[in-house]
Amino acid sequence: MFFGNSGKENLLTNKNIQNMTLLVAVATPLTNGQDFNIPTVENNALVSNVGPSGIVSDPLVSKPTSDQISIYVVRAGDTLSQIAEMFDVTVNTIKWGNDLSSNTLKEGDTLVILPISGVKHVVVKGDTLASIAKKYKGDAEEIIAYNNLSKRASLSVGSIIIVPDGEVLASSPRSITSGPRSSSSLKEYAGFYMRPIVGGKKTQGIHGYNGVDLAAPVGTPILASADGEVIISRGGGWNGGYGNYIVIKHKNGTQTLYSHNSRNTVSVGDSVKQGDVIGFIGTSGKVTGAHVHFEIRGAKNPF
C-alpha cells in the first residue's frame, strides 16, 4: 500500500486513525442498519464504530480502550504494522491473537483484533520468564508466545517484556485490571442472557474480560446465550489462549464469547437462536480442566 507524502507525514506525526487514507475495510451491517464494531470507511478514512480495541502505550501499563472484539479483512497492500496502527495495538497483539508466525499477510485473510491488556516490564538483572510471570500473576507460556521468545531465551537487561493480562500490586503507583473486572459499571440486561450450559459448576467468577468459567464434562453442549449472529468461529490453534472459540454479536450491541471448546458447530455468518447448540465443552487453549469460559462484552455478566 502506498501513502502520498502528505498522508505519510500525517501518519508519522499524528496517530489518529482518521488521518489514514487509502485504507478500506469490509463492514457487516446489523439488522437495525448499523455497523457494530467492524471498521468502516468515512471520508476515505478507516474508523471503528466502537473505537480501537487493544493496548495503548503507558510508561508501565498497556490497557485496552474497548472490550469489544474487532474483525478486519486484509486488503491488497496491507501490512501488519499498518493494521496495528489503525486499531492502536501492537503487531504482536495481532500475531498472538491470530497464531501468525510471520508478518506475511494474504489478501482476504480475516484477522481478529483481540483487546489485550498487559503489564510492560523492563528487564533487570536476574529476571527470568518464571519470575516475571510470578511477579505479575501472568503465564510464562503466554509471555513466550506474545513476545515471540523461545523457552530458553536469555533476557537482555533493559528490554521490554509484555505480560498479557498481567497485574500489578495495588500498592503500586500504577495498577491495571485486565478487562472490566468491576461489573457494577456495566449495563444490565435482565433476562436477556441464558446460562450457556445445562448443569455443570462455576469454578471461577468474574475474571479476564467479564468472563466466568463453567465446568462440565468434555462433550457437554454449549448453548447460545441469546439470539445473534456468529462473527467468529475459530478452530485449532492457541488463539490468544482461547483455543477453539466462538463470538456472537447481539442486537443490543453486546458480544458473547465461548472458548476452550472441543468443537464448534457454527460458522461465521450463521444466525442463532437462544438455546441453540453452538459447540461442545473441551480443553483447548489455556485451561486446567474441561470448562467453557463465557464472556459478555459490553454488559453485566449475570452468571
Foldseek 3Di string as FASTA:
>chain_A
DDDPPVLVVCVVPPLAQQSHAPDAWDFDADPVRDTFQEWHADPRTTAGPVAAFAFADDPWWTFTPFQDKYKTFDAPPDWLCVVCSRRRYDSLQFCLLVVNPDRDDDGGDMTIRGHWIWTKDQDDPPDDLVVVCVQFVADSVLQCSSVVHDNPDDDDGGDITTGTQTFHDPPDPDTDGQACQPQVVFAADPPAFDQQFPDFAWPAAQHHHLKTKGADDWFGFTWGGAWFFWADFDADDQSNQQHTKTWTADPVSKIKMKGQFPDFDDDGGDTDGTGDGGGTWHHGGDDDHTTIIMHITRGHDPD
